[in-house]
């Protein structure tokens, strides 16, 4: 094959690859948008997890306080019954 035919063939292949690459650009843009949305959802999920962890700890503390109050009331009721 002579150099001219090879050059024409290479130019044709380069053109096809360029067209193919340009056709992939919308797909790349969509993937980028999806990645951005996933990153945003991940950030929101992390925030919710942290908030729920904080609420859980707060509820545990309140539960312990309530249990202590119930014990104290129970003790007071027993003392009152003894007095009567």
PDB file of N, CA and C in Angstrom:
ATOM      1  N   UNK A   1       0.853  -1.166   0.000  1.00  0.00           N
ATOM      2  CA  UNK A   1       0.000   0.000   0.000  1.00  0.00           C
ATOM      3  C   UNK A   1       0.904   1.236   0.000  1.00  0.00           C
ATOM      4  N   UNK A   2       0.579   2.158  -0.823  1.00  0.00           N
ATOM      5  CA  UNK A   2       1.449   3.339  -0.895  1.00  0.00           C
ATOM      6  C   UNK A   2       1.087   4.343   0.203  1.00  0.00           C
ATOM      7  N   UNK A   3       1.971   5.299   0.423  1.00  0.00           N
ATOM      8  CA  UNK A   3       1.852   6.247   1.519  1.00  0.00           C
ATOM      9  C   UNK A   3       0.573   7.080   1.445  1.00  0.00           C
ATOM     10  N   UNK A   4       0.134   7.429   0.265  1.00  0.00           N
ATOM     11  CA  UNK A   4      -1.077   8.237   0.107  1.00  0.00           C
ATOM     12  C   UNK A   4      -2.309   7.487   0.610  1.00  0.00           C
ATOM     13  N   UNK A   5      -2.395   6.193   0.239  1.00  0.00           N
ATOM     14  CA  UNK A   5      -3.545   5.397   0.671  1.00  0.00           C
ATOM     15  C   UNK A   5      -3.525   5.218   2.197  1.00  0.00           C
ATOM     16  N   UNK A   6      -2.346   4.994   2.751  1.00  0.00           N
ATOM     17  CA  UNK A   6      -2.233   4.846   4.212  1.00  0.00           C
ATOM     18  C   UNK A   6      -2.636   6.149   4.896  1.00  0.00           C
ATOM     19  N   UNK A   7      -2.194   7.276   4.352  1.00  0.00           N
ATOM     20  CA  UNK A   7      -2.524   8.578   4.938  1.00  0.00           C
ATOM     21  C   UNK A   7      -4.027   8.812   4.890  1.00  0.00           C
ATOM     22  N   UNK A   8      -4.673   8.456   3.769  1.00  0.00           N
ATOM     23  CA  UNK A   8      -6.124   8.626   3.631  1.00  0.00           C
ATOM     24  C   UNK A   8      -6.843   7.721   4.631  1.00  0.00           C
ATOM     25  N   UNK A   9      -6.382   6.481   4.740  1.00  0.00           N
ATOM     26  CA  UNK A   9      -6.984   5.529   5.659  1.00  0.00           C
ATOM     27  C   UNK A   9      -6.844   6.023   7.109  1.00  0.00           C
ATOM     28  N   UNK A  10      -5.664   6.501   7.469  1.00  0.00           N
ATOM     29  CA  UNK A  10      -5.447   7.023   8.811  1.00  0.00           C
ATOM     30  C   UNK A  10      -6.318   8.247   9.087  1.00  0.00           C
ATOM     31  N   UNK A  11      -6.424   9.121   8.106  1.00  0.00           N
ATOM     32  CA  UNK A  11      -7.266  10.312   8.264  1.00  0.00           C
ATOM     33  C   UNK A  11      -8.724   9.914   8.472  1.00  0.00           C
ATOM     34  N   UNK A  12      -9.197   8.904   7.751  1.00  0.00           N
ATOM     35  CA  UNK A  12     -10.571   8.417   7.891  1.00  0.00           C
ATOM     36  C   UNK A  12     -10.784   7.831   9.287  1.00  0.00           C
ATOM     37  N   UNK A  13      -9.836   7.032   9.744  1.00  0.00           N
ATOM     38  CA  UNK A  13      -9.941   6.438  11.079  1.00  0.00           C
ATOM     39  C   UNK A  13      -9.939   7.517  12.156  1.00  0.00           C
ATOM     40  N   UNK A  14      -9.082   8.506  12.033  1.00  0.00           N
ATOM     41  CA  UNK A  14      -9.028   9.597  12.995  1.00  0.00           C
ATOM     42  C   UNK A  14     -10.346  10.354  13.034  1.00  0.00           C
ATOM     43  N   UNK A  15     -10.934  10.570  11.878  1.00  0.00           N
ATOM     44  CA  UNK A  15     -12.216  11.269  11.800  1.00  0.00           C
ATOM     45  C   UNK A  15     -13.316  10.468  12.501  1.00  0.00           C
ATOM     46  N   UNK A  16     -13.307   9.151  12.283  1.00  0.00           N
ATOM     47  CA  UNK A  16     -14.321   8.294  12.913  1.00  0.00           C
ATOM     48  C   UNK A  16     -14.153   8.281  14.438  1.00  0.00           C
ATOM     49  N   UNK A  17     -12.904   8.195  14.886  1.00  0.00           N
ATOM     50  CA  UNK A  17     -12.655   8.218  16.329  1.00  0.00           C
ATOM     51  C   UNK A  17     -13.057   9.560  16.937  1.00  0.00           C
ATOM     52  N   UNK A  18     -12.807  10.637  16.231  1.00  0.00           N
ATOM     53  CA  UNK A  18     -13.182  11.967  16.713  1.00  0.00           C
ATOM     54  C   UNK A  18     -14.705  12.052  16.852  1.00  0.00           C
ATOM     55  N   UNK A  19     -15.415  11.561  15.833  1.00  0.00           N
ATOM     56  CA  UNK A  19     -16.882  11.558  15.858  1.00  0.00           C
ATOM     57  C   UNK A  19     -17.396  10.706  17.020  1.00  0.00           C
ATOM     58  N   UNK A  20     -16.763   9.550  17.198  1.00  0.00           N
ATOM     59  CA  UNK A  20     -17.146   8.665  18.292  1.00  0.00           C
ATOM     60  C   UNK A  20     -16.929   9.351  19.644  1.00  0.00           C
ATOM     61  N   UNK A  21     -15.792   9.998  19.795  1.00  0.00           N
ATOM     62  CA  UNK A  21     -15.483  10.705  21.035  1.00  0.00           C
ATOM     63  C   UNK A  21     -16.459  11.836  21.310  1.00  0.00           C
ATOM     64  N   UNK A  22     -16.819  12.557  20.270  1.00  0.00           N
ATOM     65  CA  UNK A  22     -17.794  13.640  20.431  1.00  0.00           C
ATOM     66  C   UNK A  22     -19.152  13.077  20.827  1.00  0.00           C
ATOM     67  N   UNK A  23     -19.476  11.897  20.313  1.00  0.00           N
ATOM     68  CA  UNK A  23     -20.739  11.251  20.667  1.00  0.00           C
ATOM     69  C   UNK A  23     -20.767  10.789  22.120  1.00  0.00           C
ATOM     70  N   UNK A  24     -19.619  10.523  22.686  1.00  0.00           N
ATOM     71  CA  UNK A  24     -19.548  10.100  24.076  1.00  0.00           C
ATOM     72  C   UNK A  24     -19.699  11.261  25.060  1.00  0.00           C
ATOM     73  N   UNK A  25     -19.497  12.468  24.604  1.00  0.00           N
ATOM     74  CA  UNK A  25     -19.529  13.624  25.502  1.00  0.00           C
ATOM     75  C   UNK A  25     -20.857  13.761  26.255  1.00  0.00           C
ATOM     76  N   UNK A  26     -22.020  13.628  25.604  1.00  0.00           N
ATOM     77  CA  UNK A  26     -23.275  13.708  26.381  1.00  0.00           C
ATOM     78  C   UNK A  26     -23.354  12.631  27.463  1.00  0.00           C
ATOM     79  N   UNK A  27     -22.850  11.440  27.158  1.00  0.00           N
ATOM     80  CA  UNK A  27     -22.840  10.375  28.161  1.00  0.00           C
ATOM     81  C   UNK A  27     -21.936  10.753  29.330  1.00  0.00           C
ATOM     82  N   UNK A  28     -20.779  11.302  29.036  1.00  0.00           N
ATOM     83  CA  UNK A  28     -19.872  11.753  30.091  1.00  0.00           C
ATOM     84  C   UNK A  28     -20.525  12.838  30.957  1.00  0.00           C
ATOM     85  N   UNK A  29     -21.260  13.749  30.311  1.00  0.00           N
ATOM     86  CA  UNK A  29     -21.951  14.802  31.049  1.00  0.00           C
ATOM     87  C   UNK A  29     -23.002  14.208  31.986  1.00  0.00           C
ATOM     88  N   UNK A  30     -23.746  13.210  31.501  1.00  0.00           N
ATOM     89  CA  UNK A  30     -24.760  12.567  32.337  1.00  0.00           C
ATOM     90  C   UNK A  30     -24.117  11.850  33.517  1.00  0.00           C
ATOM     91  N   UNK A  31     -23.030  11.169  33.275  1.00  0.00           N
ATOM     92  CA  UNK A  31     -22.321  10.475  34.353  1.00  0.00           C
ATOM     93  C   UNK A  31     -21.834  11.487  35.385  1.00  0.00           C
ATOM     94  N   UNK A  32     -21.333  12.613  34.945  1.00  0.00           N
ATOM     95  CA  UNK A  32     -20.881  13.655  35.877  1.00  0.00           C
ATOM     96  C   UNK A  32     -22.031  14.166  36.736  1.00  0.00           C
ATOM     97  N   UNK A  33     -23.213  14.366  36.111  1.00  0.00           N
ATOM     98  CA  UNK A  33     -24.376  14.840  36.869  1.00  0.00           C
ATOM     99  C   UNK A  33     -24.811  13.793  37.893  1.00  0.00           C
ATOM    100  N   UNK A  34     -24.796  12.539  37.489  1.00  0.00           N
ATOM    101  CA  UNK A  34     -25.172  11.461  38.414  1.00  0.00           C
ATOM    102  C   UNK A  34     -24.179  11.397  39.574  1.00  0.00           C
ATOM    103  N   UNK A  35     -22.905  11.513  39.283  1.00  0.00           N
ATOM    104  CA  UNK A  35     -21.890  11.504  40.342  1.00  0.00           C
ATOM    105  C   UNK A  35     -22.107  12.657  41.312  1.00  0.00           C
ATOM    106  N   UNK A  36     -22.465  13.817  40.797  1.00  0.00           N
ATOM    107  CA  UNK A  36     -22.726  14.977  41.651  1.00  0.00           C
ATOM    108  C   UNK A  36     -23.927  14.711  42.546  1.00  0.00           C
ATOM    109  N   UNK A  37     -24.984  14.141  41.971  1.00  0.00           N
ATOM    110  CA  UNK A  37     -26.174  13.832  42.765  1.00  0.00           C
ATOM    111  C   UNK A  37     -25.858  12.795  43.835  1.00  0.00           C
ATOM    112  N   UNK A  38     -25.091  11.787  43.493  1.00  0.00           N
ATOM    113  CA  UNK A  38     -24.715  10.755  44.471  1.00  0.00           C
ATOM    114  C   UNK A  38     -23.885  11.376  45.586  1.00  0.00           C
ATOM    115  N   UNK A  39     -22.957  12.253  45.231  1.00  0.00           N
ATOM    116  CA  UNK A  39     -22.144  12.924  46.251  1.00  0.00           C
ATOM    117  C   UNK A  39     -23.018  13.756  47.183  1.00  0.00           C
ATOM    118  N   UNK A  40     -24.005  14.471  46.614  1.00  0.00           N
ATOM    119  CA  UNK A  40     -24.915  15.276  47.432  1.00  0.00           C
ATOM    120  C   UNK A  40     -25.747  14.389  48.353  1.00  0.00           C
ATOM    121  N   UNK A  41     -26.239  13.276  47.819  1.00  0.00           N
ATOM    122  CA  UNK A  41     -27.022  12.353  48.640  1.00  0.00           C
ATOM    123  C   UNK A  41     -26.160  11.751  49.744  1.00  0.00           C
ATOM    124  N   UNK A  42     -24.928  11.447  49.424  1.00  0.00           N
ATOM    125  CA  UNK A  42     -24.008  10.892  50.419  1.00  0.00           C
ATOM    126  C   UNK A  42     -23.774  11.897  51.541  1.00  0.00           C
ATOM    127  N   UNK A  43     -23.608  13.150  51.186  1.00  0.00           N
ATOM    128  CA  UNK A  43     -23.414  14.201  52.187  1.00  0.00           C
ATOM    129  C   UNK A  43     -24.647  14.338  53.074  1.00  0.00           C
ATOM    130  N   UNK A  44     -25.833  14.326  52.444  1.00  0.00           N
ATOM    131  CA  UNK A  44     -27.073  14.427  53.221  1.00  0.00           C
ATOM    132  C   UNK A  44     -27.252  13.213  54.127  1.00  0.00           C
ATOM    133  N   UNK A  45     -26.927  12.041  53.622  1.00  0.00           N
ATOM    134  CA  UNK A  45     -27.043  10.822  54.415  1.00  0.00           C
ATOM    135  C   UNK A  45     -26.111  10.876  55.620  1.00  0.00           C
ATOM    136  N   UNK A  46     -24.895  11.327  55.408  1.00  0.00           N
ATOM    137  CA  UNK A  46     -23.952  11.470  56.522  1.00  0.00           C
ATOM    138  C   UNK A  46     -24.500  12.422  57.579  1.00  0.00           C
ATOM    139  N   UNK A  47     -25.123  13.519  57.140  1.00  0.00           N
ATOM    140  CA  UNK A  47     -25.699  14.484  58.077  1.00  0.00           C
ATOM    141  C   UNK A  47     -26.844  13.848  58.858  1.00  0.00           C
ATOM    142  N   UNK A  48     -27.689  13.084  58.174  1.00  0.00           N
ATOM    143  CA  UNK A  48     -28.811  12.423  58.854  1.00  0.00           C
ATOM    144  C   UNK A  48     -28.303  11.378  59.848  1.00  0.00           C
ATOM    145  N   UNK A  49     -27.290  10.639  59.465  1.00  0.00           N
ATOM    146  CA  UNK A  49     -26.725   9.639  60.368  1.00  0.00           C
ATOM    147  C   UNK A  49     -26.195  10.316  61.628  1.00  0.00           C
ATOM    148  N   UNK A  50     -25.481  11.407  61.452  1.00  0.00           N
ATOM    149  CA  UNK A  50     -24.929  12.129  62.598  1.00  0.00           C
ATOM    150  C   UNK A  50     -26.051  12.677  63.481  1.00  0.00           C
ATOM    151  N   UNK A  51     -27.080  13.231  62.865  1.00  0.00           N
ATOM    152  CA  UNK A  51     -28.215  13.768  63.624  1.00  0.00           C
ATOM    153  C   UNK A  51     -28.921  12.649  64.399  1.00  0.00           C
ATOM    154  N   UNK A  52     -29.130  11.511  63.747  1.00  0.00           N
ATOM    155  CA  UNK A  52     -29.787  10.390  64.407  1.00  0.00           C
ATOM    156  C   UNK A  52     -28.933   9.840  65.540  1.00  0.00           C
ATOM    157  N   UNK A  53     -27.622   9.806  65.359  1.00  0.00           N
ATOM    158  CA  UNK A  53     -26.730   9.346  66.414  1.00  0.00           C
ATOM    159  C   UNK A  53     -26.840  10.270  67.624  1.00  0.00           C
ATOM    160  N   UNK A  54     -26.850  11.573  67.344  1.00  0.00           N
ATOM    161  CA  UNK A  54     -26.970  12.560  68.426  1.00  0.00           C
ATOM    162  C   UNK A  54     -28.313  12.388  69.143  1.00  0.00           C
ATOM    163  N   UNK A  55     -29.391  12.224  68.390  1.00  0.00           N
ATOM    164  CA  UNK A  55     -30.718  12.040  68.987  1.00  0.00           C
ATOM    165  C   UNK A  55     -30.773  10.752  69.806  1.00  0.00           C
ATOM    166  N   UNK A  56     -30.154   9.699  69.310  1.00  0.00           N
ATOM    167  CA  UNK A  56     -30.132   8.434  70.030  1.00  0.00           C
ATOM    168  C   UNK A  56     -29.416   8.591  71.370  1.00  0.00           C
ATOM    169  N   UNK A  57     -28.274   9.253  71.345  1.00  0.00           N
ATOM    170  CA  UNK A  57     -27.528   9.476  72.593  1.00  0.00           C
ATOM    171  C   UNK A  57     -28.341  10.312  73.570  1.00  0.00           C
ATOM    172  N   UNK A  58     -29.000  11.332  73.055  1.00  0.00           N
ATOM    173  CA  UNK A  58     -29.831  12.193  73.894  1.00  0.00           C
ATOM    174  C   UNK A  58     -30.983  11.380  74.491  1.00  0.00           C
ATOM    175  N   UNK A  59     -31.612  10.530  73.681  1.00  0.00           N
ATOM    176  CA  UNK A  59     -32.716   9.708  74.168  1.00  0.00           C
ATOM    177  C   UNK A  59     -32.239   8.715  75.227  1.00  0.00           C
ATOM    178  N   UNK A  60     -31.044   8.179  75.050  1.00  0.00           N
ATOM    179  CA  UNK A  60     -30.487   7.259  76.048  1.00  0.00           C
ATOM    180  C   UNK A  60     -30.287   7.972  77.384  1.00  0.00           C
ATOM    181  N   UNK A  61     -29.770   9.175  77.325  1.00  0.00           N
ATOM    182  CA  UNK A  61     -29.558   9.946  78.549  1.00  0.00           C
ATOM    183  C   UNK A  61     -30.888  10.252  79.233  1.00  0.00           C
ATOM    184  N   UNK A  62     -31.878  10.664  78.447  1.00  0.00           N
ATOM    185  CA  UNK A  62     -33.193  10.975  79.004  1.00  0.00           C
ATOM    186  C   UNK A  62     -33.830   9.718  79.597  1.00  0.00           C
ATOM    187  N   UNK A  63     -33.645   8.596  78.938  1.00  0.00           N
ATOM    188  CA  UNK A  63     -34.175   7.332  79.441  1.00  0.00           C
ATOM    189  C   UNK A  63     -33.539   6.996  80.793  1.00  0.00           C
ATOM    190  N   UNK A  64     -32.236   7.163  80.898  1.00  0.00           N
ATOM    191  CA  UNK A  64     -31.550   6.893  82.161  1.00  0.00           C
ATOM    192  C   UNK A  64     -32.055   7.819  83.269  1.00  0.00           C
ATOM    193  N   UNK A  65     -32.272   9.086  82.920  1.00  0.00           N
ATOM    194  CA  UNK A  65     -32.781  10.038  83.908  1.00  0.00           C
ATOM    195  C   UNK A  65     -34.186   9.646  84.367  1.00  0.00           C
ATOM    196  N   UNK A  66     -35.025   9.257  83.419  1.00  0.00           N
ATOM    197  CA  UNK A  66     -36.385   8.838  83.761  1.00  0.00           C
ATOM    198  C   UNK A  66     -36.373   7.591  84.641  1.00  0.00           C
ATOM    199  N   UNK A  67     -35.494   6.654  84.308  1.00  0.00           N
ATOM    200  CA  UNK A  67     -35.401   5.437  85.125  1.00  0.00           C
ATOM    201  C   UNK A  67     -34.960   5.773  86.543  1.00  0.00           C
ATOM    202  N   UNK A  68     -34.027   6.697  86.676  1.00  0.00           N
ATOM    203  CA  UNK A  68     -33.575   7.134  87.991  1.00  0.00           C
ATOM    204  C   UNK A  68     -34.720   7.794  88.748  1.00  0.00           C
ATOM    205  N   UNK A  69     -35.500   8.619  88.072  1.00  0.00           N
ATOM    206  CA  UNK A  69     -36.635   9.280  88.712  1.00  0.00           C
ATOM    207  C   UNK A  69     -37.669   8.254  89.171  1.00  0.00           C
ATOM    208  N   UNK A  70     -37.923   7.243  88.356  1.00  0.00           N
ATOM    209  CA  UNK A  70     -38.871   6.195  88.723  1.00  0.00           C
ATOM    210  C   UNK A  70     -38.379   5.461  89.968  1.00  0.00           C
ATOM    211  N   UNK A  71     -37.109   5.141  90.017  1.00  0.00           N
ATOM    212  CA  UNK A  71     -36.545   4.469  91.200  1.00  0.00           C
ATOM    213  C   UNK A  71     -36.691   5.338  92.445  1.00  0.00           C
ATOM    214  N   UNK A  72     -36.403   6.632  92.286  1.00  0.00           N
ATOM    215  CA  UNK A  72     -36.511   7.542  93.420  1.00  0.00           C
ATOM    216  C   UNK A  72     -37.959   7.651  93.887  1.00  0.00           C
ATOM    217  N   UNK A  73     -38.897   7.730  92.930  1.00  0.00           N
ATOM    218  CA  UNK A  73     -40.313   7.788  93.295  1.00  0.00           C
ATOM    219  C   UNK A  73     -40.757   6.508  93.978  1.00  0.00           C
ATOM    220  N   UNK A  74     -40.265   5.393  93.491  1.00  0.00           N
ATOM    221  CA  UNK A  74     -40.595   4.105  94.087  1.00  0.00           C
ATOM    222  C   UNK A  74     -40.102   4.053  95.530  1.00  0.00           C
ATOM    223  N   UNK A  75     -38.903   4.549  95.739  1.00  0.00           N
ATOM    224  CA  UNK A  75     -38.338   4.589  97.084  1.00  0.00           C
ATOM    225  C   UNK A  75     -39.175   5.495  97.991  1.00  0.00           C
ATOM    226  N   UNK A  76     -39.584   6.635  97.465  1.00  0.00           N
ATOM    227  CA  UNK A  76     -40.408   7.564  98.250  1.00  0.00           C
ATOM    228  C   UNK A  76     -41.758   6.942  98.584  1.00  0.00           C
ATOM    229  N   UNK A  77     -42.354   6.227  97.624  1.00  0.00           N
ATOM    230  CA  UNK A  77     -43.643   5.586  97.858  1.00  0.00           C
ATOM    231  C   UNK A  77     -43.500   4.540  98.954  1.00  0.00           C
ATOM    232  N   UNK A  78     -42.437   3.775  98.915  1.00  0.00           N
ATOM    233  CA  UNK A  78     -42.201   2.754  99.949  1.00  0.00           C
ATOM    234  C   UNK A  78     -42.038   3.425 101.309  1.00  0.00           C
ATOM    235  N   UNK A  79     -41.314   4.531 101.361  1.00  0.00           N
ATOM    236  CA  UNK A  79     -41.114   5.250 102.622  1.00  0.00           C
ATOM    237  C   UNK A  79     -42.437   5.799 103.147  1.00  0.00           C
ATOM    238  N   UNK A  80     -43.266   6.325 102.262  1.00  0.00           N
ATOM    239  CA  UNK A  80     -44.561   6.867 102.662  1.00  0.00           C
ATOM    240  C   UNK A  80     -45.442   5.747 103.206  1.00  0.00           C
ATOM    241  N   UNK A  81     -45.415   4.590 102.550  1.00  0.00           N
ATOM    242  CA  UNK A  81     -46.216   3.455 103.022  1.00  0.00           C
ATOM    243  C   UNK A  81     -45.753   3.020 104.414  1.00  0.00           C
ATOM    244  N   UNK A  82     -44.489   3.072 104.686  1.00  0.00           N
ATOM    245  CA  UNK A  82     -43.957   2.694 106.002  1.00  0.00           C
ATOM    246  C   UNK A  82     -44.405   3.658 107.076  1.00  0.00           C
ATOM    247  N   UNK A  83     -44.456   4.949 106.695  1.00  0.00           N
ATOM    248  CA  UNK A  83     -44.854   5.981 107.639  1.00  0.00           C
ATOM    249  C   UNK A  83     -46.327   5.793 108.040  1.00  0.00           C
ATOM    250  N   UNK A  84     -47.156   5.417 107.088  1.00  0.00           N
ATOM    251  CA  UNK A  84     -48.577   5.240 107.364  1.00  0.00           C
ATOM    252  C   UNK A  84     -48.721   4.043 108.230  1.00  0.00           C
TER     253      UNK A  84
END
